[in-house]
Amino acid sequence: MSLGLGLLADAPPTSGYAVKAAATMVNGQTIFTVTGGPILILGLVSLCVTANGATASTLQYSITPTTGAGAQTISAASGSLANAAAGASVSLLGTALSTAANLNANGPNLGMTAPIFCPDGTITMVIGVGSTTGTWQHHLYYLALGPGVLVS
């Protein structure tokens, strides 16, 4: 079966959802691991669960494929997360790989304008300035482009 994306699969694409438990954000930390085939990222949002301190951390999303040339950022850095209150959110917009992740101190946020292709590998965070003191939970909505794709 052709998916119209130059990919072949035994089954139609299926949507999925994954969530990562709240934790402080550290540079290079893996958010999600993708195995068994590629996905299209349809939404990626980080939600502040406990308030941040005054460190002016920023969040940028990155993908490191299992095979390939190495890490590729899929957003520019967000605005400063300093003093972000519980309920603040950062979302991946998908406008361009250089578009900043969007911070909203009040919670509601914009969604993706276009999906981002993600091969087998890891979705990680690039934290600028220093680790967060508050905890953040990460939500991923995706389309698996074949049978047996797992996101953890």
Protein backbone atom coordinates (compact mmCIF):
# COMPACT_ATOMS: atom_id res chain seq x y z
CA MET A 1 0.00 0.00 0.00
CA SER A 2 1.36 3.44 -0.89
CA LEU A 3 0.96 6.25 1.62
CA GLY A 4 1.57 8.96 -0.95
CA LEU A 5 4.71 10.00 0.94
CA GLY A 6 7.11 7.72 -0.90
CA LEU A 7 6.76 5.14 1.90
CA LEU A 8 5.28 1.65 1.79
CA ALA A 9 3.46 -0.03 4.63
CA ASP A 10 1.42 -3.17 5.23
CA ALA A 11 -1.23 -1.18 7.07
CA PRO A 12 -2.64 2.33 6.95
CA PRO A 13 -1.10 4.96 9.22
CA THR A 14 -2.46 4.96 12.76
CA SER A 15 -2.60 7.82 15.22
CA GLY A 16 -1.00 7.55 18.63
CA TYR A 17 -0.44 9.50 21.81
CA ALA A 18 2.42 9.37 24.29
CA VAL A 19 3.04 11.30 27.51
CA LYS A 20 6.25 11.63 29.52
CA ALA A 21 5.92 12.06 33.28
CA ALA A 22 6.75 15.44 34.78
CA ALA A 23 10.43 16.02 35.54
CA THR A 24 12.93 18.87 35.47
CA MET A 25 14.25 19.55 31.96
CA VAL A 26 17.96 18.97 31.37
CA ASN A 27 19.94 19.66 28.19
CA GLY A 28 20.15 16.59 25.93
CA GLN A 29 17.44 14.68 27.81
CA THR A 30 15.39 12.20 25.74
CA ILE A 31 11.69 12.98 25.73
CA PHE A 32 10.51 10.12 23.50
CA THR A 33 12.07 7.15 21.68
CA VAL A 34 10.65 6.07 18.31
CA THR A 35 11.25 2.46 17.18
CA GLY A 36 9.92 0.18 14.44
CA GLY A 37 9.48 2.85 11.79
CA PRO A 38 8.91 6.56 11.25
CA ILE A 39 6.17 8.84 12.54
CA LEU A 40 4.72 12.19 11.60
CA ILE A 41 4.63 14.52 14.61
CA LEU A 42 1.18 16.10 14.68
CA GLY A 43 1.54 17.83 18.04
CA LEU A 44 4.22 18.21 20.71
CA VAL A 45 3.45 20.24 23.84
CA SER A 46 5.39 20.64 27.09
CA LEU A 47 3.28 21.59 30.12
CA CYS A 48 4.69 23.18 33.28
CA VAL A 49 3.50 21.13 36.27
CA THR A 50 5.43 22.83 39.10
CA ALA A 51 6.63 26.42 38.84
CA ASN A 52 10.07 27.29 37.51
CA GLY A 53 12.61 29.41 39.37
CA ALA A 54 14.40 32.48 38.00
CA THR A 55 16.82 30.60 35.69
CA ALA A 56 16.20 31.90 32.17
CA SER A 57 16.08 28.42 30.59
CA THR A 58 14.83 28.01 27.02
CA LEU A 59 13.44 24.89 25.30
CA GLN A 60 14.26 23.71 21.80
CA TYR A 61 13.16 20.36 20.32
CA SER A 62 15.52 18.03 18.42
CA ILE A 63 15.45 14.64 16.66
CA THR A 64 18.40 12.24 16.59
CA PRO A 65 17.77 9.48 14.01
CA THR A 66 19.04 5.96 14.70
CA THR A 67 20.79 6.13 11.32
CA GLY A 68 21.86 9.33 9.63
CA ALA A 69 24.06 12.34 10.10
CA GLY A 70 23.11 13.09 13.70
CA ALA A 71 20.86 15.43 15.65
CA GLN A 72 18.63 17.92 13.84
CA THR A 73 16.79 20.66 15.69
CA ILE A 74 13.13 20.88 14.73
CA SER A 75 12.50 24.25 16.38
CA ALA A 76 14.34 27.32 17.48
CA ALA A 77 14.53 28.08 21.22
CA SER A 78 11.42 29.16 23.09
CA GLY A 79 11.22 32.36 25.05
CA SER A 80 12.63 32.36 28.57
CA LEU A 81 11.01 29.87 30.95
CA ALA A 82 12.12 31.92 33.98
CA ASN A 83 9.39 32.04 36.63
CA ALA A 84 6.97 30.03 34.46
CA ALA A 85 3.95 29.16 36.57
CA ALA A 86 2.28 25.77 36.68
CA GLY A 87 0.02 25.59 33.64
CA ALA A 88 2.38 27.41 31.24
CA SER A 89 2.97 25.56 27.98
CA VAL A 90 5.46 25.36 25.13
CA SER A 91 4.34 23.96 21.78
CA LEU A 92 6.09 22.90 18.58
CA LEU A 93 4.56 24.88 15.72
CA GLY A 94 5.95 23.05 12.69
CA THR A 95 5.95 26.16 10.51
CA ALA A 96 9.66 25.68 9.74
CA LEU A 97 12.47 23.81 11.48
CA SER A 98 13.78 27.24 12.52
CA THR A 99 10.51 28.50 14.07
CA ALA A 100 10.75 29.06 17.83
CA ALA A 101 8.82 26.73 20.10
CA ASN A 102 5.89 28.85 21.29
CA LEU A 103 5.67 29.72 25.01
CA ASN A 104 2.36 30.75 26.56
CA ALA A 105 2.57 31.66 30.24
CA ASN A 106 -1.21 31.19 30.61
CA GLY A 107 -1.50 27.65 29.22
CA PRO A 108 -3.52 27.58 25.98
CA ASN A 109 -1.23 27.42 22.96
CA LEU A 110 -1.09 27.10 19.20
CA GLY A 111 -0.94 23.71 17.48
CA MET A 112 1.11 22.42 14.58
CA THR A 113 0.71 24.02 11.17
CA ALA A 114 2.41 21.11 9.36
CA PRO A 115 3.51 17.66 10.54
CA ILE A 116 7.22 16.94 10.99
CA PHE A 117 8.71 13.66 9.73
CA CYS A 118 10.55 11.75 12.47
CA PRO A 119 12.51 8.57 11.63
CA ASP A 120 13.45 5.87 14.18
CA GLY A 121 15.45 7.55 16.92
CA THR A 122 14.94 9.94 19.80
CA ILE A 123 13.13 13.21 20.32
CA THR A 124 15.23 15.24 22.73
CA MET A 125 15.33 18.67 24.28
CA VAL A 126 17.98 21.33 23.99
CA ILE A 127 17.85 23.43 27.16
CA GLY A 128 19.63 26.76 26.94
CA VAL A 129 21.14 28.63 29.92
CA GLY A 130 20.53 25.91 32.56
CA SER A 131 18.21 23.13 33.68
CA THR A 132 14.72 24.05 34.81
CA THR A 133 13.85 24.00 38.49
CA GLY A 134 10.17 23.35 37.82
CA THR A 135 8.87 20.10 36.38
CA TRP A 136 7.44 19.71 32.89
CA GLN A 137 5.26 17.01 31.33
CA HIS A 138 5.52 16.29 27.58
CA HIS A 139 2.64 15.28 25.28
CA LEU A 140 3.12 13.85 21.77
CA TYR A 141 0.35 13.24 19.24
CA TYR A 142 1.62 11.39 16.17
CA LEU A 143 0.80 9.34 13.11
CA ALA A 144 2.68 6.02 12.87
CA LEU A 145 3.71 5.38 9.27
CA GLY A 146 3.68 1.60 9.47
CA PRO A 147 2.78 -1.38 11.61
CA GLY A 148 4.85 -2.06 14.71
CA VAL A 149 5.90 1.54 15.33
CA LEU A 150 6.35 2.22 19.04
CA VAL A 151 6.81 5.51 20.86
CA SER A 152 7.95 5.39 24.47
